PDB file of N, CA and C in Angstrom:
ATOM      1  N   MET A   1       5.496  14.395   1.282  1.00  0.00           N
ATOM      2  CA  MET A   1       6.528  13.411   1.144  1.00  0.00           C
ATOM      3  C   MET A   1       5.873  12.087   0.746  1.00  0.00           C
ATOM      4  N   ILE A   2       6.572  11.342  -0.058  1.00  0.00           N
ATOM      5  CA  ILE A   2       6.093  10.032  -0.492  1.00  0.00           C
ATOM      6  C   ILE A   2       7.200   9.025  -0.234  1.00  0.00           C
ATOM      7  N   LYS A   3       6.862   7.954   0.469  1.00  0.00           N
ATOM      8  CA  LYS A   3       7.830   6.883   0.725  1.00  0.00           C
ATOM      9  C   LYS A   3       7.364   5.645  -0.028  1.00  0.00           C
ATOM     10  N   LYS A   4       8.297   4.993  -0.720  1.00  0.00           N
ATOM     11  CA  LYS A   4       7.974   3.765  -1.458  1.00  0.00           C
ATOM     12  C   LYS A   4       8.871   2.637  -0.968  1.00  0.00           C
ATOM     13  N   ALA A   5       8.292   1.463  -0.776  1.00  0.00           N
ATOM     14  CA  ALA A   5       9.053   0.294  -0.354  1.00  0.00           C
ATOM     15  C   ALA A   5       8.412  -0.956  -0.937  1.00  0.00           C
ATOM     16  N   ALA A   6       9.240  -1.879  -1.402  1.00  0.00           N
ATOM     17  CA  ALA A   6       8.726  -3.154  -1.903  1.00  0.00           C
ATOM     18  C   ALA A   6       8.210  -3.958  -0.709  1.00  0.00           C
ATOM     19  N   ASP A   7       7.123  -4.688  -0.923  1.00  0.00           N
ATOM     20  CA  ASP A   7       6.647  -5.562   0.146  1.00  0.00           C
ATOM     21  C   ASP A   7       6.872  -7.009  -0.247  1.00  0.00           C
ATOM     22  N   LYS A   8       6.541  -7.924   0.637  1.00  0.00           N
ATOM     23  CA  LYS A   8       6.836  -9.343   0.418  1.00  0.00           C
ATOM     24  C   LYS A   8       5.942 -10.001  -0.630  1.00  0.00           C
ATOM     25  N   ASN A   9       4.912  -9.309  -1.102  1.00  0.00           N
ATOM     26  CA  ASN A   9       3.992  -9.872  -2.094  1.00  0.00           C
ATOM     27  C   ASN A   9       4.206  -9.283  -3.482  1.00  0.00           C
ATOM     28  N   ASP A  10       5.421  -8.785  -3.759  1.00  0.00           N
ATOM     29  CA  ASP A  10       5.747  -8.160  -5.040  1.00  0.00           C
ATOM     30  C   ASP A  10       4.845  -6.974  -5.348  1.00  0.00           C
ATOM     31  N   LYS A  11       4.441  -6.265  -4.331  1.00  0.00           N
ATOM     32  CA  LYS A  11       3.677  -5.031  -4.460  1.00  0.00           C
ATOM     33  C   LYS A  11       4.551  -3.890  -3.945  1.00  0.00           C
ATOM     34  N   VAL A  12       4.062  -2.677  -4.063  1.00  0.00           N
ATOM     35  CA  VAL A  12       4.789  -1.515  -3.564  1.00  0.00           C
ATOM     36  C   VAL A  12       3.947  -0.853  -2.477  1.00  0.00           C
ATOM     37  N   LYS A  13       4.530  -0.715  -1.284  1.00  0.00           N
ATOM     38  CA  LYS A  13       3.858   0.007  -0.204  1.00  0.00           C
ATOM     39  C   LYS A  13       4.236   1.475  -0.361  1.00  0.00           C
ATOM     40  N   VAL A  14       3.226   2.307  -0.577  1.00  0.00           N
ATOM     41  CA  VAL A  14       3.440   3.741  -0.755  1.00  0.00           C
ATOM     42  C   VAL A  14       2.814   4.452   0.442  1.00  0.00           C
ATOM     43  N   THR A  15       3.618   5.256   1.126  1.00  0.00           N
ATOM     44  CA  THR A  15       3.133   6.047   2.247  1.00  0.00           C
ATOM     45  C   THR A  15       3.121   7.514   1.845  1.00  0.00           C
ATOM     46  N   PHE A  16       1.955   8.118   1.903  1.00  0.00           N
ATOM     47  CA  PHE A  16       1.759   9.523   1.579  1.00  0.00           C
ATOM     48  C   PHE A  16       1.772  10.295   2.893  1.00  0.00           C
ATOM     49  N   VAL A  17       2.593  11.338   2.986  1.00  0.00           N
ATOM     50  CA  VAL A  17       2.737  12.120   4.211  1.00  0.00           C
ATOM     51  C   VAL A  17       2.591  13.599   3.863  1.00  0.00           C
ATOM     52  N   MET A  18       1.748  14.295   4.606  1.00  0.00           N
ATOM     53  CA  MET A  18       1.547  15.732   4.406  1.00  0.00           C
ATOM     54  C   MET A  18       1.553  16.435   5.764  1.00  0.00           C
ATOM     55  N   PRO A  19       1.905  17.734   5.784  1.00  0.00           N
ATOM     56  CA  PRO A  19       1.819  18.495   7.032  1.00  0.00           C
ATOM     57  C   PRO A  19       0.368  18.560   7.506  1.00  0.00           C
ATOM     58  N   TYR A  20       0.208  18.629   8.816  1.00  0.00           N
ATOM     59  CA  TYR A  20      -1.129  18.728   9.400  1.00  0.00           C
ATOM     60  C   TYR A  20      -1.173  19.941  10.317  1.00  0.00           C
ATOM     61  N   SER A  21      -2.209  20.754  10.173  1.00  0.00           N
ATOM     62  CA  SER A  21      -2.409  21.914  11.042  1.00  0.00           C
ATOM     63  C   SER A  21      -3.617  21.654  11.931  1.00  0.00           C
ATOM     64  N   GLU A  22      -3.505  22.017  13.206  1.00  0.00           N
ATOM     65  CA  GLU A  22      -4.624  21.838  14.141  1.00  0.00           C
ATOM     66  C   GLU A  22      -5.861  22.549  13.586  1.00  0.00           C
ATOM     67  N   GLY A  23      -6.989  21.886  13.612  1.00  0.00           N
ATOM     68  CA  GLY A  23      -8.231  22.452  13.101  1.00  0.00           C
ATOM     69  C   GLY A  23      -8.433  22.273  11.612  1.00  0.00           C
ATOM     70  N   GLN A  24      -7.475  21.673  10.947  1.00  0.00           N
ATOM     71  CA  GLN A  24      -7.570  21.432   9.503  1.00  0.00           C
ATOM     72  C   GLN A  24      -8.666  20.419   9.202  1.00  0.00           C
ATOM     73  N   ALA A  25      -9.328  20.583   8.068  1.00  0.00           N
ATOM     74  CA  ALA A  25     -10.338  19.608   7.640  1.00  0.00           C
ATOM     75  C   ALA A  25      -9.664  18.262   7.391  1.00  0.00           C
ATOM     76  N   ALA A  26     -10.419  17.185   7.526  1.00  0.00           N
ATOM     77  CA  ALA A  26      -9.889  15.850   7.277  1.00  0.00           C
ATOM     78  C   ALA A  26      -9.365  15.765   5.848  1.00  0.00           C
ATOM     79  N   MET A  27      -8.260  15.037   5.661  1.00  0.00           N
ATOM     80  CA  MET A  27      -7.602  14.924   4.364  1.00  0.00           C
ATOM     81  C   MET A  27      -7.576  13.464   3.916  1.00  0.00           C
ATOM     82  N   SER A  28      -7.710  13.267   2.614  1.00  0.00           N
ATOM     83  CA  SER A  28      -7.545  11.934   2.046  1.00  0.00           C
ATOM     84  C   SER A  28      -6.737  12.053   0.765  1.00  0.00           C
ATOM     85  N   VAL A  29      -6.116  10.948   0.369  1.00  0.00           N
ATOM     86  CA  VAL A  29      -5.418  10.907  -0.912  1.00  0.00           C
ATOM     87  C   VAL A  29      -6.351  10.204  -1.888  1.00  0.00           C
ATOM     88  N   VAL A  30      -6.546  10.831  -3.030  1.00  0.00           N
ATOM     89  CA  VAL A  30      -7.450  10.282  -4.042  1.00  0.00           C
ATOM     90  C   VAL A  30      -6.712  10.216  -5.374  1.00  0.00           C
ATOM     91  N   GLY A  31      -7.080   9.228  -6.173  1.00  0.00           N
ATOM     92  CA  GLY A  31      -6.415   9.093  -7.463  1.00  0.00           C
ATOM     93  C   GLY A  31      -6.914   7.887  -8.227  1.00  0.00           C
ATOM     94  N   ASP A  32      -6.148   7.539  -9.236  1.00  0.00           N
ATOM     95  CA  ASP A  32      -6.503   6.396 -10.083  1.00  0.00           C
ATOM     96  C   ASP A  32      -6.630   5.108  -9.272  1.00  0.00           C
ATOM     97  N   PHE A  33      -5.867   4.990  -8.191  1.00  0.00           N
ATOM     98  CA  PHE A  33      -5.845   3.765  -7.389  1.00  0.00           C
ATOM     99  C   PHE A  33      -7.096   3.572  -6.552  1.00  0.00           C
ATOM    100  N   ASN A  34      -7.925   4.616  -6.370  1.00  0.00           N
ATOM    101  CA  ASN A  34      -9.175   4.460  -5.610  1.00  0.00           C
ATOM    102  C   ASN A  34     -10.345   5.178  -6.290  1.00  0.00           C
ATOM    103  N   GLU A  35     -10.256   5.290  -7.605  1.00  0.00           N
ATOM    104  CA  GLU A  35     -11.318   5.880  -8.428  1.00  0.00           C
ATOM    105  C   GLU A  35     -11.680   7.296  -7.988  1.00  0.00           C
ATOM    106  N   TRP A  36     -10.688   8.023  -7.463  1.00  0.00           N
ATOM    107  CA  TRP A  36     -10.853   9.429  -7.080  1.00  0.00           C
ATOM    108  C   TRP A  36     -11.978   9.632  -6.058  1.00  0.00           C
ATOM    109  N   GLN A  37     -12.143   8.687  -5.156  1.00  0.00           N
ATOM    110  CA  GLN A  37     -13.201   8.755  -4.155  1.00  0.00           C
ATOM    111  C   GLN A  37     -12.685   9.379  -2.862  1.00  0.00           C
ATOM    112  N   PRO A  38     -13.085  10.634  -2.554  1.00  0.00           N
ATOM    113  CA  PRO A  38     -12.686  11.245  -1.284  1.00  0.00           C
ATOM    114  C   PRO A  38     -13.109  10.360  -0.117  1.00  0.00           C
ATOM    115  N   GLY A  39     -12.221  10.208   0.836  1.00  0.00           N
ATOM    116  CA  GLY A  39     -12.512   9.393   2.012  1.00  0.00           C
ATOM    117  C   GLY A  39     -12.119   7.937   1.865  1.00  0.00           C
ATOM    118  N   ALA A  40     -11.817   7.483   0.651  1.00  0.00           N
ATOM    119  CA  ALA A  40     -11.443   6.081   0.460  1.00  0.00           C
ATOM    120  C   ALA A  40     -10.087   5.775   1.087  1.00  0.00           C
ATOM    121  N   ALA A  41      -9.210   6.774   1.158  1.00  0.00           N
ATOM    122  CA  ALA A  41      -7.886   6.609   1.775  1.00  0.00           C
ATOM    123  C   ALA A  41      -7.650   7.808   2.691  1.00  0.00           C
ATOM    124  N   LYS A  42      -8.368   7.818   3.827  1.00  0.00           N
ATOM    125  CA  LYS A  42      -8.255   8.927   4.778  1.00  0.00           C
ATOM    126  C   LYS A  42      -6.887   8.921   5.440  1.00  0.00           C
ATOM    127  N   MET A  43      -6.348  10.109   5.576  1.00  0.00           N
ATOM    128  CA  MET A  43      -5.049  10.261   6.217  1.00  0.00           C
ATOM    129  C   MET A  43      -5.250  10.398   7.720  1.00  0.00           C
ATOM    130  N   VAL A  44      -4.320   9.835   8.491  1.00  0.00           N
ATOM    131  CA  VAL A  44      -4.401   9.797   9.946  1.00  0.00           C
ATOM    132  C   VAL A  44      -3.416  10.808  10.528  1.00  0.00           C
ATOM    133  N   LYS A  45      -3.885  11.620  11.455  1.00  0.00           N
ATOM    134  CA  LYS A  45      -3.036  12.609  12.129  1.00  0.00           C
ATOM    135  C   LYS A  45      -1.986  11.902  12.976  1.00  0.00           C
ATOM    136  N   ARG A  46      -0.750  12.388  12.885  1.00  0.00           N
ATOM    137  CA  ARG A  46       0.364  11.845  13.666  1.00  0.00           C
ATOM    138  C   ARG A  46       0.807  12.869  14.707  1.00  0.00           C
ATOM    139  N   ASN A  47       1.520  12.424  15.729  1.00  0.00           N
ATOM    140  CA  ASN A  47       1.996  13.316  16.789  1.00  0.00           C
ATOM    141  C   ASN A  47       3.096  14.266  16.321  1.00  0.00           C
ATOM    142  N   ASN A  48       3.706  13.993  15.184  1.00  0.00           N
ATOM    143  CA  ASN A  48       4.830  14.806  14.707  1.00  0.00           C
ATOM    144  C   ASN A  48       4.400  15.963  13.801  1.00  0.00           C
ATOM    145  N   GLY A  49       3.106  16.287  13.764  1.00  0.00           N
ATOM    146  CA  GLY A  49       2.634  17.407  12.955  1.00  0.00           C
ATOM    147  C   GLY A  49       2.360  17.056  11.501  1.00  0.00           C
ATOM    148  N   THR A  50       2.222  15.783  11.228  1.00  0.00           N
ATOM    149  CA  THR A  50       1.901  15.331   9.878  1.00  0.00           C
ATOM    150  C   THR A  50       0.645  14.466   9.917  1.00  0.00           C
ATOM    151  N   CYS A  51       0.153  14.119   8.745  1.00  0.00           N
ATOM    152  CA  CYS A  51      -0.869  13.090   8.606  1.00  0.00           C
ATOM    153  C   CYS A  51      -0.403  12.180   7.483  1.00  0.00           C
ATOM    154  N   SER A  52      -0.805  10.916   7.536  1.00  0.00           N
ATOM    155  CA  SER A  52      -0.305   9.962   6.550  1.00  0.00           C
ATOM    156  C   SER A  52      -1.287   8.823   6.330  1.00  0.00           C
ATOM    157  N   VAL A  53      -1.064   8.144   5.217  1.00  0.00           N
ATOM    158  CA  VAL A  53      -1.794   6.922   4.901  1.00  0.00           C
ATOM    159  C   VAL A  53      -0.892   6.079   4.004  1.00  0.00           C
ATOM    160  N   SER A  54      -0.965   4.762   4.145  1.00  0.00           N
ATOM    161  CA  SER A  54      -0.188   3.853   3.309  1.00  0.00           C
ATOM    162  C   SER A  54      -1.121   3.031   2.442  1.00  0.00           C
ATOM    163  N   LEU A  55      -0.732   2.848   1.197  1.00  0.00           N
ATOM    164  CA  LEU A  55      -1.485   2.040   0.246  1.00  0.00           C
ATOM    165  C   LEU A  55      -0.558   1.010  -0.368  1.00  0.00           C
ATOM    166  N   THR A  56      -1.085  -0.151  -0.713  1.00  0.00           N
ATOM    167  CA  THR A  56      -0.325  -1.172  -1.408  1.00  0.00           C
ATOM    168  C   THR A  56      -0.750  -1.152  -2.873  1.00  0.00           C
ATOM    169  N   LEU A  57       0.209  -0.874  -3.755  1.00  0.00           N
ATOM    170  CA  LEU A  57      -0.085  -0.694  -5.177  1.00  0.00           C
ATOM    171  C   LEU A  57       0.739  -1.647  -6.028  1.00  0.00           C
ATOM    172  N   ASP A  58       0.311  -1.817  -7.263  1.00  0.00           N
ATOM    173  CA  ASP A  58       1.030  -2.675  -8.201  1.00  0.00           C
ATOM    174  C   ASP A  58       2.314  -1.991  -8.665  1.00  0.00           C
ATOM    175  N   PRO A  59       3.392  -2.762  -8.823  1.00  0.00           N
ATOM    176  CA  PRO A  59       4.644  -2.177  -9.305  1.00  0.00           C
ATOM    177  C   PRO A  59       4.577  -1.877 -10.805  1.00  0.00           C
ATOM    178  N   GLY A  60       5.444  -0.973 -11.241  1.00  0.00           N
ATOM    179  CA  GLY A  60       5.553  -0.663 -12.660  1.00  0.00           C
ATOM    180  C   GLY A  60       4.372   0.104 -13.226  1.00  0.00           C
ATOM    181  N   GLN A  61       3.640   0.810 -12.370  1.00  0.00           N
ATOM    182  CA  GLN A  61       2.449   1.528 -12.816  1.00  0.00           C
ATOM    183  C   GLN A  61       2.646   3.044 -12.694  1.00  0.00           C
ATOM    184  N   ARG A  62       1.762   3.757 -13.351  1.00  0.00           N
ATOM    185  CA  ARG A  62       1.731   5.219 -13.312  1.00  0.00           C
ATOM    186  C   ARG A  62       0.343   5.616 -12.811  1.00  0.00           C
ATOM    187  N   TYR A  63       0.303   6.315 -11.686  1.00  0.00           N
ATOM    188  CA  TYR A  63      -0.959   6.712 -11.070  1.00  0.00           C
ATOM    189  C   TYR A  63      -1.040   8.236 -10.984  1.00  0.00           C
ATOM    190  N   ARG A  64      -2.201   8.804 -11.301  1.00  0.00           N
ATOM    191  CA  ARG A  64      -2.486  10.218 -11.056  1.00  0.00           C
ATOM    192  C   ARG A  64      -3.125  10.308  -9.680  1.00  0.00           C
ATOM    193  N   PHE A  65      -2.780  11.374  -8.927  1.00  0.00           N
ATOM    194  CA  PHE A  65      -3.381  11.530  -7.595  1.00  0.00           C
ATOM    195  C   PHE A  65      -3.316  12.983  -7.156  1.00  0.00           C
ATOM    196  N   ARG A  66      -4.073  13.296  -6.115  1.00  0.00           N
ATOM    197  CA  ARG A  66      -4.045  14.588  -5.409  1.00  0.00           C
ATOM    198  C   ARG A  66      -4.537  14.343  -3.986  1.00  0.00           C
ATOM    199  N   TYR A  67      -4.373  15.354  -3.146  1.00  0.00           N
ATOM    200  CA  TYR A  67      -4.906  15.317  -1.793  1.00  0.00           C
ATOM    201  C   TYR A  67      -6.182  16.143  -1.765  1.00  0.00           C
ATOM    202  N   TYR A  68      -7.167  15.661  -1.016  1.00  0.00           N
ATOM    203  CA  TYR A  68      -8.454  16.340  -0.922  1.00  0.00           C
ATOM    204  C   TYR A  68      -8.786  16.595   0.542  1.00  0.00           C
ATOM    205  N   LEU A  69      -9.054  17.862   0.864  1.00  0.00           N
ATOM    206  CA  LEU A  69      -9.525  18.227   2.193  1.00  0.00           C
ATOM    207  C   LEU A  69     -11.044  18.260   2.166  1.00  0.00           C
ATOM    208  N   GLU A  70     -11.681  17.793   3.229  1.00  0.00           N
ATOM    209  CA  GLU A  70     -13.140  17.713   3.257  1.00  0.00           C
ATOM    210  C   GLU A  70     -13.834  19.060   3.139  1.00  0.00           C
ATOM    211  N   ASP A  71     -13.092  20.155   3.240  1.00  0.00           N
ATOM    212  CA  ASP A  71     -13.701  21.475   3.033  1.00  0.00           C
ATOM    213  C   ASP A  71     -13.641  21.907   1.564  1.00  0.00           C
ATOM    214  N   GLY A  72     -13.242  20.973   0.680  1.00  0.00           N
ATOM    215  CA  GLY A  72     -13.264  21.234  -0.751  1.00  0.00           C
ATOM    216  C   GLY A  72     -11.948  21.688  -1.358  1.00  0.00           C
ATOM    217  N   VAL A  73     -10.894  21.781  -0.559  1.00  0.00           N
ATOM    218  CA  VAL A  73      -9.588  22.217  -1.054  1.00  0.00           C
ATOM    219  C   VAL A  73      -8.811  21.022  -1.611  1.00  0.00           C
ATOM    220  N   TRP A  74      -8.175  21.220  -2.767  1.00  0.00           N
ATOM    221  CA  TRP A  74      -7.327  20.211  -3.389  1.00  0.00           C
ATOM    222  C   TRP A  74      -5.876  20.646  -3.262  1.00  0.00           C
ATOM    223  N   LEU A  75      -4.977  19.705  -2.951  1.00  0.00           N
ATOM    224  CA  LEU A  75      -3.551  19.995  -2.796  1.00  0.00           C
ATOM    225  C   LEU A  75      -2.715  19.027  -3.626  1.00  0.00           C
ATOM    226  N   ASN A  76      -1.537  19.480  -4.019  1.00  0.00           N
ATOM    227  CA  ASN A  76      -0.575  18.618  -4.697  1.00  0.00           C
ATOM    228  C   ASN A  76       0.585  18.315  -3.766  1.00  0.00           C
ATOM    229  N   ASP A  77       1.372  17.318  -4.114  1.00  0.00           N
ATOM    230  CA  ASP A  77       2.529  16.908  -3.326  1.00  0.00           C
ATOM    231  C   ASP A  77       3.801  17.355  -4.036  1.00  0.00           C
ATOM    232  N   GLU A  78       4.641  18.105  -3.344  1.00  0.00           N
ATOM    233  CA  GLU A  78       5.902  18.561  -3.923  1.00  0.00           C
ATOM    234  C   GLU A  78       6.835  17.404  -4.246  1.00  0.00           C
ATOM    235  N   ALA A  79       6.611  16.247  -3.651  1.00  0.00           N
ATOM    236  CA  ALA A  79       7.472  15.090  -3.858  1.00  0.00           C
ATOM    237  C   ALA A  79       6.963  14.155  -4.956  1.00  0.00           C
ATOM    238  N   ALA A  80       5.950  14.573  -5.709  1.00  0.00           N
ATOM    239  CA  ALA A  80       5.430  13.724  -6.796  1.00  0.00           C
ATOM    240  C   ALA A  80       6.528  13.467  -7.834  1.00  0.00           C
ATOM    241  N   ASP A  81       6.418  12.340  -8.524  1.00  0.00           N
ATOM    242  CA  ASP A  81       7.403  12.002  -9.559  1.00  0.00           C
ATOM    243  C   ASP A  81       7.283  12.921 -10.768  1.00  0.00           C
ATOM    244  N   ALA A  82       6.092  13.444 -11.015  1.00  0.00           N
ATOM    245  CA  ALA A  82       5.848  14.358 -12.139  1.00  0.00           C
ATOM    246  C   ALA A  82       4.482  14.993 -11.926  1.00  0.00           C
ATOM    247  N   TYR A  83       4.119  15.874 -12.851  1.00  0.00           N
ATOM    248  CA  TYR A  83       2.815  16.539 -12.825  1.00  0.00           C
ATOM    249  C   TYR A  83       2.283  16.588 -14.248  1.00  0.00           C
ATOM    250  N   GLU A  84       0.950  16.629 -14.372  1.00  0.00           N
ATOM    251  CA  GLU A  84       0.345  16.800 -15.691  1.00  0.00           C
ATOM    252  C   GLU A  84      -0.943  17.590 -15.540  1.00  0.00           C
ATOM    253  N   ALA A  85      -1.306  18.276 -16.595  1.00  0.00           N
ATOM    254  CA  ALA A  85      -2.546  19.050 -16.590  1.00  0.00           C
ATOM    255  C   ALA A  85      -3.737  18.107 -16.463  1.00  0.00           C
ATOM    256  N   SER A  86      -4.747  18.563 -15.712  1.00  0.00           N
ATOM    257  CA  SER A  86      -5.967  17.766 -15.575  1.00  0.00           C
ATOM    258  C   SER A  86      -7.077  18.401 -16.397  1.00  0.00           C
ATOM    259  N   GLU A  87      -8.172  17.703 -16.521  1.00  0.00           N
ATOM    260  CA  GLU A  87      -9.329  18.213 -17.249  1.00  0.00           C
ATOM    261  C   GLU A  87     -10.098  19.254 -16.448  1.00  0.00           C
ATOM    262  N   HIS A  88      -9.649  19.525 -15.200  1.00  0.00           N
ATOM    263  CA  HIS A  88     -10.338  20.478 -14.325  1.00  0.00           C
ATOM    264  C   HIS A  88      -9.560  21.787 -14.176  1.00  0.00           C
ATOM    265  N   ASP A  89      -8.705  22.087 -15.144  1.00  0.00           N
ATOM    266  CA  ASP A  89      -7.918  23.327 -15.127  1.00  0.00           C
ATOM    267  C   ASP A  89      -6.964  23.396 -13.932  1.00  0.00           C
ATOM    268  N   SER A  90      -6.404  22.263 -13.570  1.00  0.00           N
ATOM    269  CA  SER A  90      -5.441  22.200 -12.485  1.00  0.00           C
ATOM    270  C   SER A  90      -4.362  21.186 -12.881  1.00  0.00           C
ATOM    271  N   GLU A  91      -3.510  20.829 -11.954  1.00  0.00           N
ATOM    272  CA  GLU A  91      -2.480  19.824 -12.210  1.00  0.00           C
ATOM    273  C   GLU A  91      -2.701  18.621 -11.324  1.00  0.00           C
ATOM    274  N   ASN A  92      -2.489  17.432 -11.869  1.00  0.00           N
ATOM    275  CA  ASN A  92      -2.490  16.216 -11.088  1.00  0.00           C
ATOM    276  C   ASN A  92      -1.047  15.832 -10.791  1.00  0.00           C
ATOM    277  N   CYS A  93      -0.822  15.212  -9.651  1.00  0.00           N
ATOM    278  CA  CYS A  93       0.462  14.628  -9.320  1.00  0.00           C
ATOM    279  C   CYS A  93       0.559  13.279 -10.009  1.00  0.00           C
ATOM    280  N   ILE A  94       1.768  12.865 -10.318  1.00  0.00           N
ATOM    281  CA  ILE A  94       2.021  11.548 -10.906  1.00  0.00           C
ATOM    282  C   ILE A  94       2.885  10.751  -9.956  1.00  0.00           C
ATOM    283  N   LEU A  95       2.496   9.504  -9.716  1.00  0.00           N
ATOM    284  CA  LEU A  95       3.251   8.566  -8.893  1.00  0.00           C
ATOM    285  C   LEU A  95       3.657   7.406  -9.776  1.00  0.00           C
ATOM    286  N   LEU A  96       4.958   7.086  -9.789  1.00  0.00           N
ATOM    287  CA  LEU A  96       5.455   5.940 -10.536  1.00  0.00           C
ATOM    288  C   LEU A  96       5.882   4.873  -9.535  1.00  0.00           C
ATOM    289  N   THR A  97       5.346   3.664  -9.729  1.00  0.00           N
ATOM    290  CA  THR A  97       5.699   2.588  -8.817  1.00  0.00           C
ATOM    291  C   THR A  97       6.625   1.631  -9.514  1.00  0.00           C
TER     292      THR A  97
END
């Protein structure tokens, strides 16, 4: 799930939410907004069975992103605005702000 909300500084607060399973490897969201660096936006486990992280991004932009588990697994978000083929024989999620 992806939640978007305008903030008071004319930016967009984007909250990325994914299911969390006990014993799952640590997850982070990586993409154009953090130079695809695993761990730069680590997701935090919540009591409701999810993990999430919020980022403040520029409005009117198009960002490619995916979720990365520290055990090497890549995941996509069903709530992405769109998808496109990547250079790694997979699909990237698209986020429009």
